[in-house]
């Protein structure tokens, strides 16, 4: 029988040793982000009858590779998980290999479907597709990584990114049919299809981020 709740000692280890590492990353991949991915991963795992301990640990490790090059962070994250011998207290070698693959498969630009239900869970959980959240995180990433760009240059980068990732022809894929993200993605695409409306959203969120940064 698969447990419906996360092991308390695993949770204590993750919260003490793993989650604080997200404080080093940009606002789009910080503690708030990883805790959201964890929360959604657990909920999905419970709904489909998957191992919640595996789903929890996968979510906790999924972006640790951002300590290195972003382009390969999903691969680096998988290596970090597999190399952490402390996890052997809770998981078998076979489970850890599945978890490594799930972390590798979470990236939105992946060209192939996740190799297991655990990859599908973390990939879906990583996609918090509330429109304001998506657009805000895109702006936060731009401000953190390209501080030299002015407002218009930030908007150009923002527009290029959301079109490439979230438009009708974008690379994002959802792997859990019927999830709430399907409707949210439709909302995002409606905004992208209306340039003046999208610019208004950008300006509102950009101004909020600038104000928050200056306070």
C-alpha atoms as a PDB file:
ATOM      1  CA  UNK A   1       0.000   0.000   0.000  1.00  0.00           C
ATOM      2  CA  UNK A   2       1.371   3.414  -1.002  1.00  0.00           C
ATOM      3  CA  UNK A   3       1.432   6.083   1.710  1.00  0.00           C
ATOM      4  CA  UNK A   4      -0.773   9.112   1.125  1.00  0.00           C
ATOM      5  CA  UNK A   5       1.382  11.393   3.279  1.00  0.00           C
ATOM      6  CA  UNK A   6       5.051  12.331   3.112  1.00  0.00           C
ATOM      7  CA  UNK A   7       7.338  10.694   5.672  1.00  0.00           C
ATOM      8  CA  UNK A   8       8.025  13.179   8.459  1.00  0.00           C
ATOM      9  CA  UNK A   9      11.728  12.400   8.685  1.00  0.00           C
ATOM     10  CA  UNK A  10      12.119  12.805   4.909  1.00  0.00           C
ATOM     11  CA  UNK A  11      10.294  16.124   5.120  1.00  0.00           C
ATOM     12  CA  UNK A  12      12.546  17.273   7.963  1.00  0.00           C
ATOM     13  CA  UNK A  13      15.667  16.386   5.945  1.00  0.00           C
ATOM     14  CA  UNK A  14      14.431  18.140   2.789  1.00  0.00           C
ATOM     15  CA  UNK A  15      13.355  21.281   4.630  1.00  0.00           C
ATOM     16  CA  UNK A  16      16.625  21.509   6.549  1.00  0.00           C
ATOM     17  CA  UNK A  17      19.196  20.462   3.926  1.00  0.00           C
ATOM     18  CA  UNK A  18      17.683  20.985   0.454  1.00  0.00           C
ATOM     19  CA  UNK A  19      15.099  23.762   0.279  1.00  0.00           C
ATOM     20  CA  UNK A  20      17.369  26.517   1.692  1.00  0.00           C
ATOM     21  CA  UNK A  21      19.544  26.137  -1.426  1.00  0.00           C
ATOM     22  CA  UNK A  22      16.781  27.766  -3.486  1.00  0.00           C
ATOM     23  CA  UNK A  23      17.511  31.077  -1.750  1.00  0.00           C
ATOM     24  CA  UNK A  24      20.534  31.343  -4.074  1.00  0.00           C
ATOM     25  CA  UNK A  25      18.394  31.422  -7.232  1.00  0.00           C
ATOM     26  CA  UNK A  26      16.483  34.178  -9.027  1.00  0.00           C
ATOM     27  CA  UNK A  27      12.930  35.159  -8.046  1.00  0.00           C
ATOM     28  CA  UNK A  28      11.442  32.898 -10.720  1.00  0.00           C
ATOM     29  CA  UNK A  29      13.082  29.841  -9.131  1.00  0.00           C
ATOM     30  CA  UNK A  30      13.167  30.721  -5.443  1.00  0.00           C
ATOM     31  CA  UNK A  31      11.704  29.136  -2.309  1.00  0.00           C
ATOM     32  CA  UNK A  32       8.185  30.208  -3.232  1.00  0.00           C
ATOM     33  CA  UNK A  33       8.520  28.437  -6.576  1.00  0.00           C
ATOM     34  CA  UNK A  34       9.862  25.140  -5.242  1.00  0.00           C
ATOM     35  CA  UNK A  35       7.321  24.964  -2.416  1.00  0.00           C
ATOM     36  CA  UNK A  36       4.567  25.472  -4.989  1.00  0.00           C
ATOM     37  CA  UNK A  37       5.962  22.661  -7.151  1.00  0.00           C
ATOM     38  CA  UNK A  38       6.137  20.428  -4.073  1.00  0.00           C
ATOM     39  CA  UNK A  39       2.553  21.200  -3.075  1.00  0.00           C
ATOM     40  CA  UNK A  40       1.198  20.505  -6.552  1.00  0.00           C
ATOM     41  CA  UNK A  41       3.339  17.359  -6.947  1.00  0.00           C
ATOM     42  CA  UNK A  42       1.999  15.870  -3.730  1.00  0.00           C
ATOM     43  CA  UNK A  43      -1.595  16.656  -4.712  1.00  0.00           C
ATOM     44  CA  UNK A  44      -1.177  15.067  -8.158  1.00  0.00           C
ATOM     45  CA  UNK A  45       0.598  12.014  -6.718  1.00  0.00           C
ATOM     46  CA  UNK A  46      -2.212  11.493  -4.216  1.00  0.00           C
ATOM     47  CA  UNK A  47      -4.841  11.821  -6.952  1.00  0.00           C
ATOM     48  CA  UNK A  48      -3.217   9.216  -9.231  1.00  0.00           C
ATOM     49  CA  UNK A  49      -2.041   6.820  -6.512  1.00  0.00           C
ATOM     50  CA  UNK A  50       1.700   7.427  -6.959  1.00  0.00           C
ATOM     51  CA  UNK A  51       4.334   7.346  -4.214  1.00  0.00           C
ATOM     52  CA  UNK A  52       4.116  10.725  -2.475  1.00  0.00           C
ATOM     53  CA  UNK A  53       7.594  10.414  -0.958  1.00  0.00           C
ATOM     54  CA  UNK A  54       9.121  10.004  -4.402  1.00  0.00           C
ATOM     55  CA  UNK A  55       7.049  12.857  -5.831  1.00  0.00           C
ATOM     56  CA  UNK A  56       8.002  15.095  -2.897  1.00  0.00           C
ATOM     57  CA  UNK A  57      11.743  14.461  -3.199  1.00  0.00           C
ATOM     58  CA  UNK A  58      11.710  14.831  -6.985  1.00  0.00           C
ATOM     59  CA  UNK A  59      10.015  18.227  -6.666  1.00  0.00           C
ATOM     60  CA  UNK A  60      12.488  19.326  -3.994  1.00  0.00           C
ATOM     61  CA  UNK A  61      15.518  18.513  -6.162  1.00  0.00           C
ATOM     62  CA  UNK A  62      14.127  19.464  -9.585  1.00  0.00           C
ATOM     63  CA  UNK A  63      15.850  22.859  -9.960  1.00  0.00           C
ATOM     64  CA  UNK A  64      19.003  22.421  -7.854  1.00  0.00           C
ATOM     65  CA  UNK A  65      21.029  22.323 -11.069  1.00  0.00           C
ATOM     66  CA  UNK A  66      20.450  26.073 -11.437  1.00  0.00           C
ATOM     67  CA  UNK A  67      23.633  26.385  -9.405  1.00  0.00           C
ATOM     68  CA  UNK A  68      25.308  25.692 -12.778  1.00  0.00           C
ATOM     69  CA  UNK A  69      24.465  26.489 -16.427  1.00  0.00           C
ATOM     70  CA  UNK A  70      20.719  26.987 -16.891  1.00  0.00           C
ATOM     71  CA  UNK A  71      20.622  25.198 -20.260  1.00  0.00           C
ATOM     72  CA  UNK A  72      21.483  21.858 -18.651  1.00  0.00           C
ATOM     73  CA  UNK A  73      20.041  22.467 -15.188  1.00  0.00           C
ATOM     74  CA  UNK A  74      17.579  19.585 -15.501  1.00  0.00           C
ATOM     75  CA  UNK A  75      20.429  17.146 -16.186  1.00  0.00           C
ATOM     76  CA  UNK A  76      22.554  18.602 -13.404  1.00  0.00           C
ATOM     77  CA  UNK A  77      19.622  18.385 -11.000  1.00  0.00           C
ATOM     78  CA  UNK A  78      19.215  14.708 -11.809  1.00  0.00           C
ATOM     79  CA  UNK A  79      22.887  14.086 -11.108  1.00  0.00           C
ATOM     80  CA  UNK A  80      22.652  15.935  -7.785  1.00  0.00           C
ATOM     81  CA  UNK A  81      19.704  13.803  -6.711  1.00  0.00           C
ATOM     82  CA  UNK A  82      21.317  10.512  -7.698  1.00  0.00           C
ATOM     83  CA  UNK A  83      24.607  11.433  -6.027  1.00  0.00           C
ATOM     84  CA  UNK A  84      22.990  12.319  -2.702  1.00  0.00           C
ATOM     85  CA  UNK A  85      23.610   9.133  -0.719  1.00  0.00           C
ATOM     86  CA  UNK A  86      21.462  10.436   2.135  1.00  0.00           C
ATOM     87  CA  UNK A  87      18.376   9.637   0.056  1.00  0.00           C
ATOM     88  CA  UNK A  88      19.169   5.930   0.271  1.00  0.00           C
ATOM     89  CA  UNK A  89      17.651   6.017   3.724  1.00  0.00           C
ATOM     90  CA  UNK A  90      14.222   6.321   2.112  1.00  0.00           C
ATOM     91  CA  UNK A  91      14.567   5.030  -1.445  1.00  0.00           C
ATOM     92  CA  UNK A  92      15.890   1.978  -3.277  1.00  0.00           C
ATOM     93  CA  UNK A  93      18.371   2.175  -6.137  1.00  0.00           C
ATOM     94  CA  UNK A  94      15.587   1.521  -8.649  1.00  0.00           C
ATOM     95  CA  UNK A  95      13.460   4.283  -7.148  1.00  0.00           C
ATOM     96  CA  UNK A  96      16.370   6.735  -7.230  1.00  0.00           C
ATOM     97  CA  UNK A  97      16.992   6.002 -10.907  1.00  0.00           C
ATOM     98  CA  UNK A  98      13.322   6.686 -11.683  1.00  0.00           C
ATOM     99  CA  UNK A  99      13.542   9.889  -9.659  1.00  0.00           C
ATOM    100  CA  UNK A 100      16.674  11.018 -11.505  1.00  0.00           C
ATOM    101  CA  UNK A 101      14.928  10.479 -14.834  1.00  0.00           C
ATOM    102  CA  UNK A 102      11.866  12.372 -13.609  1.00  0.00           C
ATOM    103  CA  UNK A 103      13.999  15.378 -12.656  1.00  0.00           C
ATOM    104  CA  UNK A 104      15.716  15.246 -16.062  1.00  0.00           C
ATOM    105  CA  UNK A 105      12.322  15.122 -17.810  1.00  0.00           C
ATOM    106  CA  UNK A 106      10.687  18.056 -16.026  1.00  0.00           C
ATOM    107  CA  UNK A 107      11.937  20.765 -18.374  1.00  0.00           C
ATOM    108  CA  UNK A 108       9.225  22.451 -20.443  1.00  0.00           C
ATOM    109  CA  UNK A 109      11.363  22.411 -23.599  1.00  0.00           C
ATOM    110  CA  UNK A 110      11.953  18.652 -23.450  1.00  0.00           C
ATOM    111  CA  UNK A 111      11.421  17.110 -26.879  1.00  0.00           C
ATOM    112  CA  UNK A 112      10.103  13.823 -25.497  1.00  0.00           C
ATOM    113  CA  UNK A 113       7.395  12.804 -23.063  1.00  0.00           C
ATOM    114  CA  UNK A 114       8.506  12.055 -19.479  1.00  0.00           C
ATOM    115  CA  UNK A 115       9.591   8.447 -19.077  1.00  0.00           C
ATOM    116  CA  UNK A 116       7.435   7.697 -16.030  1.00  0.00           C
ATOM    117  CA  UNK A 117       4.409   8.929 -14.127  1.00  0.00           C
ATOM    118  CA  UNK A 118       6.818  10.720 -11.780  1.00  0.00           C
ATOM    119  CA  UNK A 119       8.266  12.727 -14.654  1.00  0.00           C
ATOM    120  CA  UNK A 120       4.742  13.642 -15.707  1.00  0.00           C
ATOM    121  CA  UNK A 121       3.868  14.679 -12.165  1.00  0.00           C
ATOM    122  CA  UNK A 122       6.817  17.054 -11.669  1.00  0.00           C
ATOM    123  CA  UNK A 123       6.555  18.401 -15.218  1.00  0.00           C
ATOM    124  CA  UNK A 124       2.906  19.260 -14.632  1.00  0.00           C
ATOM    125  CA  UNK A 125       3.544  20.622 -11.141  1.00  0.00           C
ATOM    126  CA  UNK A 126       6.368  22.827 -12.449  1.00  0.00           C
ATOM    127  CA  UNK A 127       3.931  24.538 -14.788  1.00  0.00           C
ATOM    128  CA  UNK A 128       2.072  26.989 -12.568  1.00  0.00           C
ATOM    129  CA  UNK A 129       0.136  28.485 -15.450  1.00  0.00           C
ATOM    130  CA  UNK A 130      -1.776  31.185 -13.659  1.00  0.00           C
ATOM    131  CA  UNK A 131      -1.364  33.951 -16.281  1.00  0.00           C
ATOM    132  CA  UNK A 132      -0.178  36.649 -13.877  1.00  0.00           C
ATOM    133  CA  UNK A 133       2.283  34.214 -12.287  1.00  0.00           C
ATOM    134  CA  UNK A 134       3.711  33.189 -15.669  1.00  0.00           C
ATOM    135  CA  UNK A 135       4.092  36.762 -16.868  1.00  0.00           C
ATOM    136  CA  UNK A 136       5.489  37.995 -13.544  1.00  0.00           C
ATOM    137  CA  UNK A 137       8.089  35.209 -13.382  1.00  0.00           C
ATOM    138  CA  UNK A 138       9.174  36.052 -16.931  1.00  0.00           C
ATOM    139  CA  UNK A 139       9.649  39.687 -15.954  1.00  0.00           C
ATOM    140  CA  UNK A 140      11.484  38.717 -12.755  1.00  0.00           C
ATOM    141  CA  UNK A 141      13.863  36.524 -14.711  1.00  0.00           C
ATOM    142  CA  UNK A 142      14.585  39.352 -17.136  1.00  0.00           C
ATOM    143  CA  UNK A 143      15.242  41.864 -14.364  1.00  0.00           C
ATOM    144  CA  UNK A 144      17.497  39.440 -12.479  1.00  0.00           C
ATOM    145  CA  UNK A 145      19.524  38.240 -15.442  1.00  0.00           C
ATOM    146  CA  UNK A 146      19.533  41.286 -17.754  1.00  0.00           C
ATOM    147  CA  UNK A 147      19.535  44.307 -15.407  1.00  0.00           C
ATOM    148  CA  UNK A 148      21.154  46.468 -18.088  1.00  0.00           C
ATOM    149  CA  UNK A 149      18.032  46.334 -20.285  1.00  0.00           C
ATOM    150  CA  UNK A 150      15.545  49.217 -20.131  1.00  0.00           C
ATOM    151  CA  UNK A 151      11.752  48.799 -20.081  1.00  0.00           C
ATOM    152  CA  UNK A 152      11.315  48.409 -23.831  1.00  0.00           C
ATOM    153  CA  UNK A 153      14.203  45.968 -24.098  1.00  0.00           C
ATOM    154  CA  UNK A 154      12.734  43.983 -21.208  1.00  0.00           C
ATOM    155  CA  UNK A 155       9.381  43.919 -22.985  1.00  0.00           C
ATOM    156  CA  UNK A 156      10.989  42.700 -26.212  1.00  0.00           C
ATOM    157  CA  UNK A 157      12.667  39.864 -24.294  1.00  0.00           C
ATOM    158  CA  UNK A 158       9.431  39.124 -22.431  1.00  0.00           C
ATOM    159  CA  UNK A 159       7.393  38.998 -25.655  1.00  0.00           C
ATOM    160  CA  UNK A 160       9.892  36.751 -27.423  1.00  0.00           C
ATOM    161  CA  UNK A 161       9.948  34.320 -24.502  1.00  0.00           C
ATOM    162  CA  UNK A 162       6.188  34.027 -23.948  1.00  0.00           C
ATOM    163  CA  UNK A 163       5.574  33.549 -27.661  1.00  0.00           C
ATOM    164  CA  UNK A 164       8.253  30.880 -27.991  1.00  0.00           C
ATOM    165  CA  UNK A 165       7.078  28.999 -24.914  1.00  0.00           C
ATOM    166  CA  UNK A 166       3.325  29.542 -24.445  1.00  0.00           C
ATOM    167  CA  UNK A 167       1.777  30.455 -27.809  1.00  0.00           C
ATOM    168  CA  UNK A 168      -0.205  28.021 -29.971  1.00  0.00           C
ATOM    169  CA  UNK A 169       3.088  27.042 -31.603  1.00  0.00           C
ATOM    170  CA  UNK A 170       5.145  27.228 -28.404  1.00  0.00           C
ATOM    171  CA  UNK A 171       7.236  24.427 -27.025  1.00  0.00           C
ATOM    172  CA  UNK A 172       5.433  23.902 -23.707  1.00  0.00           C
ATOM    173  CA  UNK A 173       3.663  20.559 -23.356  1.00  0.00           C
ATOM    174  CA  UNK A 174       1.206  19.390 -20.723  1.00  0.00           C
ATOM    175  CA  UNK A 175       1.419  15.715 -19.811  1.00  0.00           C
ATOM    176  CA  UNK A 176      -1.563  15.236 -17.478  1.00  0.00           C
ATOM    177  CA  UNK A 177      -4.806  15.333 -19.518  1.00  0.00           C
ATOM    178  CA  UNK A 178      -7.643  17.259 -17.933  1.00  0.00           C
ATOM    179  CA  UNK A 179      -5.439  19.188 -15.508  1.00  0.00           C
ATOM    180  CA  UNK A 180      -6.362  22.758 -14.458  1.00  0.00           C
ATOM    181  CA  UNK A 181      -3.337  23.930 -16.438  1.00  0.00           C
ATOM    182  CA  UNK A 182      -5.131  23.254 -19.729  1.00  0.00           C
ATOM    183  CA  UNK A 183      -7.636  26.055 -19.134  1.00  0.00           C
ATOM    184  CA  UNK A 184      -4.945  28.376 -17.770  1.00  0.00           C
ATOM    185  CA  UNK A 185      -2.818  27.854 -20.874  1.00  0.00           C
ATOM    186  CA  UNK A 186      -5.802  28.836 -23.019  1.00  0.00           C
ATOM    187  CA  UNK A 187      -6.053  32.092 -21.034  1.00  0.00           C
ATOM    188  CA  UNK A 188      -2.356  32.808 -21.547  1.00  0.00           C
ATOM    189  CA  UNK A 189      -2.718  32.231 -25.282  1.00  0.00           C
ATOM    190  CA  UNK A 190      -5.633  34.657 -25.450  1.00  0.00           C
ATOM    191  CA  UNK A 191      -3.450  37.346 -23.884  1.00  0.00           C
ATOM    192  CA  UNK A 192      -0.583  36.589 -26.265  1.00  0.00           C
ATOM    193  CA  UNK A 193      -2.969  36.882 -29.223  1.00  0.00           C
ATOM    194  CA  UNK A 194      -3.909  40.411 -28.074  1.00  0.00           C
ATOM    195  CA  UNK A 195      -0.679  42.496 -28.197  1.00  0.00           C
ATOM    196  CA  UNK A 196      -2.139  45.681 -26.662  1.00  0.00           C
ATOM    197  CA  UNK A 197      -3.644  43.749 -23.769  1.00  0.00           C
ATOM    198  CA  UNK A 198      -0.379  41.869 -23.233  1.00  0.00           C
ATOM    199  CA  UNK A 199       1.558  45.157 -23.157  1.00  0.00           C
ATOM    200  CA  UNK A 200      -0.817  46.507 -20.497  1.00  0.00           C
ATOM    201  CA  UNK A 201      -0.264  43.387 -18.379  1.00  0.00           C
ATOM    202  CA  UNK A 202       3.496  43.691 -18.803  1.00  0.00           C
ATOM    203  CA  UNK A 203       3.507  47.351 -17.773  1.00  0.00           C
ATOM    204  CA  UNK A 204       1.402  46.673 -14.675  1.00  0.00           C
ATOM    205  CA  UNK A 205       3.570  43.787 -13.484  1.00  0.00           C
ATOM    206  CA  UNK A 206       6.828  45.504 -14.464  1.00  0.00           C
ATOM    207  CA  UNK A 207       5.894  48.601 -12.454  1.00  0.00           C
ATOM    208  CA  UNK A 208       5.035  46.419  -9.444  1.00  0.00           C
ATOM    209  CA  UNK A 209       8.378  44.635  -9.635  1.00  0.00           C
ATOM    210  CA  UNK A 210      10.319  47.896  -9.943  1.00  0.00           C
ATOM    211  CA  UNK A 211       8.401  49.381  -7.004  1.00  0.00           C
ATOM    212  CA  UNK A 212       9.023  46.305  -4.866  1.00  0.00           C
ATOM    213  CA  UNK A 213      12.718  46.342  -5.737  1.00  0.00           C
ATOM    214  CA  UNK A 214      13.042  49.962  -4.669  1.00  0.00           C
ATOM    215  CA  UNK A 215      11.243  49.523  -1.335  1.00  0.00           C
END
